[in-house]
Protein backbone atom coordinates (compact mmCIF):
# COMPACT_ATOMS: atom_id res chain seq x y z
CA UNK A 1 -32.18 2.68 8.61
CA UNK A 2 -29.58 4.63 10.54
CA UNK A 3 -26.99 1.91 10.02
CA UNK A 4 -25.45 3.36 6.81
CA UNK A 5 -25.18 6.78 8.47
CA UNK A 6 -23.56 5.30 11.56
CA UNK A 7 -21.06 3.40 9.39
CA UNK A 8 -20.20 6.55 7.46
CA UNK A 9 -19.69 8.44 10.72
CA UNK A 10 -17.36 5.75 12.07
CA UNK A 11 -15.33 5.83 8.87
CA UNK A 12 -15.07 9.60 9.03
CA UNK A 13 -13.73 9.36 12.59
CA UNK A 14 -11.00 6.91 11.53
CA UNK A 15 -10.20 7.48 7.85
CA UNK A 16 -7.65 4.65 8.00
CA UNK A 17 -10.51 2.15 8.29
CA UNK A 18 -11.50 2.61 4.65
CA UNK A 19 -7.90 2.04 3.55
CA UNK A 20 -7.72 -1.11 5.68
CA UNK A 21 -10.88 -2.44 4.05
CA UNK A 22 -9.53 -1.64 0.58
CA UNK A 23 -6.25 -3.39 1.38
CA UNK A 24 -8.08 -6.48 2.62
CA UNK A 25 -10.04 -6.43 -0.64
CA UNK A 26 -6.78 -6.68 -2.58
CA UNK A 27 -5.88 -3.03 -3.20
CA UNK A 28 -2.18 -2.85 -2.27
CA UNK A 29 -2.07 0.84 -3.20
CA UNK A 30 -4.36 1.49 -0.23
CA UNK A 31 -1.78 -0.03 2.11
CA UNK A 32 0.92 2.12 0.51
CA UNK A 33 -1.21 5.12 1.46
CA UNK A 34 -1.34 3.86 5.05
CA UNK A 35 2.44 3.52 5.03
CA UNK A 36 2.87 7.07 3.74
CA UNK A 37 0.43 8.40 6.32
CA UNK A 38 2.09 6.74 9.33
CA UNK A 39 5.72 6.36 8.24
CA UNK A 40 7.02 9.30 10.25
CA UNK A 41 5.44 8.36 13.58
CA UNK A 42 6.45 4.70 13.17
CA UNK A 43 10.04 5.75 12.46
CA UNK A 44 10.11 8.11 15.46
CA UNK A 45 8.76 5.51 17.87
CA UNK A 46 11.18 2.89 16.54
CA UNK A 47 14.09 5.33 16.78
CA UNK A 48 13.34 6.08 20.43
CA UNK A 49 13.60 2.38 21.26
CA UNK A 50 16.44 1.11 19.05
CA UNK A 51 18.16 4.35 17.95
CA UNK A 52 18.01 6.15 14.61
CA UNK A 53 20.55 3.86 12.97
CA UNK A 54 18.29 0.79 13.20
CA UNK A 55 14.93 2.55 13.11
CA UNK A 56 14.40 2.24 9.36
CA UNK A 57 14.81 -1.55 9.49
CA UNK A 58 12.45 -1.79 12.45
CA UNK A 59 9.89 0.45 10.73
CA UNK A 60 9.96 -1.65 7.56
CA UNK A 61 9.61 -4.83 9.61
CA UNK A 62 6.69 -3.33 11.54
CA UNK A 63 4.83 -2.37 8.35
CA UNK A 64 5.44 -5.82 6.91
CA UNK A 65 4.06 -7.46 10.04
CA UNK A 66 1.08 -5.10 10.01
CA UNK A 67 0.34 -6.00 6.40
CA UNK A 68 0.33 -9.72 7.14
CA UNK A 69 -1.77 -9.26 10.30
CA UNK A 70 -4.21 -6.75 8.84
CA UNK A 71 -7.12 -9.18 9.00
CA UNK A 72 -6.75 -9.20 12.80
CA UNK A 73 -7.20 -5.42 13.07
CA UNK A 74 -10.38 -4.48 14.92
CA UNK A 75 -11.92 -1.10 14.13
CA UNK A 76 -12.97 -0.52 17.73
CA UNK A 77 -9.57 1.12 18.27
CA UNK A 78 -7.62 3.49 16.01
CA UNK A 79 -5.41 1.95 13.34
CA UNK A 80 -2.49 4.14 14.48
CA UNK A 81 -2.56 2.67 18.00
CA UNK A 82 -2.70 -0.87 16.58
CA UNK A 83 0.20 -0.11 14.23
CA UNK A 84 2.29 1.45 17.00
CA UNK A 85 1.72 -1.60 19.18
CA UNK A 86 3.27 -3.71 16.41
CA UNK A 87 6.09 -1.16 16.06
CA UNK A 88 6.73 -1.19 19.80
CA UNK A 89 6.91 -5.00 19.95
CA UNK A 90 9.08 -5.18 16.82
CA UNK A 91 11.50 -2.62 18.28
CA UNK A 92 11.71 -4.46 21.61
CA UNK A 93 12.44 -7.71 19.77
CA UNK A 94 15.20 -6.00 17.79
CA UNK A 95 16.62 -4.57 21.01
CA UNK A 96 16.64 -8.00 22.65
CA UNK A 97 18.62 -9.46 19.73
CA UNK A 98 21.39 -6.89 20.00
CA UNK A 99 24.87 -7.75 21.20
CA UNK A 100 25.49 -5.78 24.42
CA UNK A 101 27.70 -2.72 23.96
CA UNK A 102 30.89 -2.23 26.00
CA UNK A 103 30.34 -0.33 29.24
CA UNK A 104 30.52 3.41 28.62
CA UNK A 105 30.23 3.00 24.86
CA UNK A 106 26.59 3.97 24.41
CA UNK A 107 27.09 7.72 24.34
CA UNK A 108 30.10 7.60 22.03
CA UNK A 109 28.41 5.07 19.76
CA UNK A 110 25.22 7.13 19.41
CA UNK A 111 24.59 7.08 15.67
CA UNK A 112 24.72 10.26 13.68
CA UNK A 113 22.75 9.94 10.48
CA UNK A 114 22.91 13.59 9.47
CA UNK A 115 25.19 14.65 6.66
CA UNK A 116 27.90 17.12 7.69
CA UNK A 117 26.87 20.74 7.43
CA UNK A 118 29.41 22.51 5.25
CA UNK A 119 28.19 26.05 5.65
CA UNK A 120 28.27 27.80 9.02
CA UNK A 121 25.04 27.75 10.96
CA UNK A 122 23.83 30.55 13.20
CA UNK A 123 24.84 29.99 16.81
CA UNK A 124 21.26 29.51 18.02
CA UNK A 125 20.50 26.84 15.42
CA UNK A 126 23.71 25.01 16.23
CA UNK A 127 22.94 25.13 19.96
CA UNK A 128 19.43 23.76 19.35
CA UNK A 129 20.85 20.94 17.26
CA UNK A 130 23.36 20.05 19.96
CA UNK A 131 20.62 20.06 22.60
CA UNK A 132 18.49 17.72 20.50
CA UNK A 133 21.44 15.35 20.17
CA UNK A 134 22.05 15.41 23.91
CA UNK A 135 18.35 14.85 24.57
CA UNK A 136 18.50 11.77 22.31
CA UNK A 137 21.40 10.45 24.38
CA UNK A 138 19.57 11.14 27.65
CA UNK A 139 16.41 9.43 26.40
CA UNK A 140 18.58 6.45 25.49
CA UNK A 141 19.67 6.20 29.12
CA UNK A 142 16.11 5.64 30.34
CA UNK A 143 14.82 2.11 30.74
CA UNK A 144 13.03 1.04 27.57
CA UNK A 145 9.61 0.68 29.21
CA UNK A 146 9.91 4.22 30.61
CA UNK A 147 11.34 5.70 27.41
CA UNK A 148 8.50 4.33 25.30
CA UNK A 149 5.68 5.79 27.40
CA UNK A 150 7.46 9.14 27.61
CA UNK A 151 7.90 9.29 23.84
CA UNK A 152 4.34 8.20 23.08
CA UNK A 153 2.79 10.68 25.52
CA UNK A 154 5.03 13.75 25.51
CA UNK A 155 6.46 13.63 21.99
CA UNK A 156 3.74 11.87 19.98
CA UNK A 157 0.75 13.07 21.99
CA UNK A 158 -1.04 9.73 22.35
CA UNK A 159 -3.79 9.41 24.95
CA UNK A 160 -3.13 7.25 28.01
CA UNK A 161 -5.61 4.67 26.73
CA UNK A 162 -3.78 4.45 23.39
CA UNK A 163 -0.43 4.02 25.16
CA UNK A 164 -1.92 1.24 27.26
CA UNK A 165 -2.97 -0.50 24.06
CA UNK A 166 0.38 0.07 22.32
CA UNK A 167 2.38 -1.28 25.27
CA UNK A 168 -0.21 -3.90 26.26
CA UNK A 169 -0.18 -2.55 29.82
CA UNK A 170 -2.82 -1.58 32.39
CA UNK A 171 -3.74 2.11 32.39
CA UNK A 172 -2.42 2.56 35.93
CA UNK A 173 0.95 1.10 34.93
CA UNK A 174 1.21 3.51 32.01
CA UNK A 175 0.61 6.51 34.26
CA UNK A 176 3.08 5.22 36.84
CA UNK A 177 5.78 4.58 34.25
CA UNK A 178 5.24 8.00 32.72
CA UNK A 179 5.60 9.67 36.12
CA UNK A 180 8.82 7.77 36.83
CA UNK A 181 10.15 8.38 33.30
CA UNK A 182 9.65 12.13 33.62
CA UNK A 183 11.39 12.11 36.99
CA UNK A 184 14.33 10.09 35.62
CA UNK A 185 14.69 12.36 32.61
CA UNK A 186 14.65 15.51 34.74
CA UNK A 187 17.32 14.01 36.98
CA UNK A 188 19.47 13.09 33.98
CA UNK A 189 19.13 16.58 32.55
CA UNK A 190 19.82 18.18 35.92
CA UNK A 191 23.30 16.64 35.90
CA UNK A 192 24.07 19.01 33.01
CA UNK A 193 22.37 22.16 34.25
CA UNK A 194 24.59 24.35 32.07
CA UNK A 195 22.90 22.75 29.05
CA UNK A 196 19.30 22.85 30.19
CA UNK A 197 19.00 25.75 32.66
CA UNK A 198 17.39 23.46 35.24
CA UNK A 199 17.68 24.26 38.97
CA UNK A 200 19.85 21.94 41.00
């Protein structure tokens, strides 16, 4: 007799579960709600792997794959982690299909999708924007398996267990990669101490 209450509690813990069930029952509007709810994080994770220029295509591809594989989703884990696993794999596949860039061309070819700012910005805002751009470039210099765990943990706030699921890796490997990724990033930033105020 506690079964209905337990089911309601599980649904309240993961509100996406109800939307998944509605989608599987034929309600496409429910999946559109899932897309709206997770679009930003999917785009950010894709952008950290393939760059902002290709992230929209990867995100759309990831949502399409998720829609077609929705019947394989198991509610034992959060929908977001399952979706980000698909996003991660889709982004890695897109990265593998790329034509290699000329040596030294990655930094110059870093896409800029912002529209030019016509009015003058305050100096602090401009400096923050430039730092974000340089951080994007530095993240791009990390190995993809290190970059992904760093983004998922430090920027998206996923738990280690969720990252292990997203990357299909053992928990110990996730922690090791994250440790190495942080060390690599600090070393990359230290090369430009005038930008980041890091000790040499």
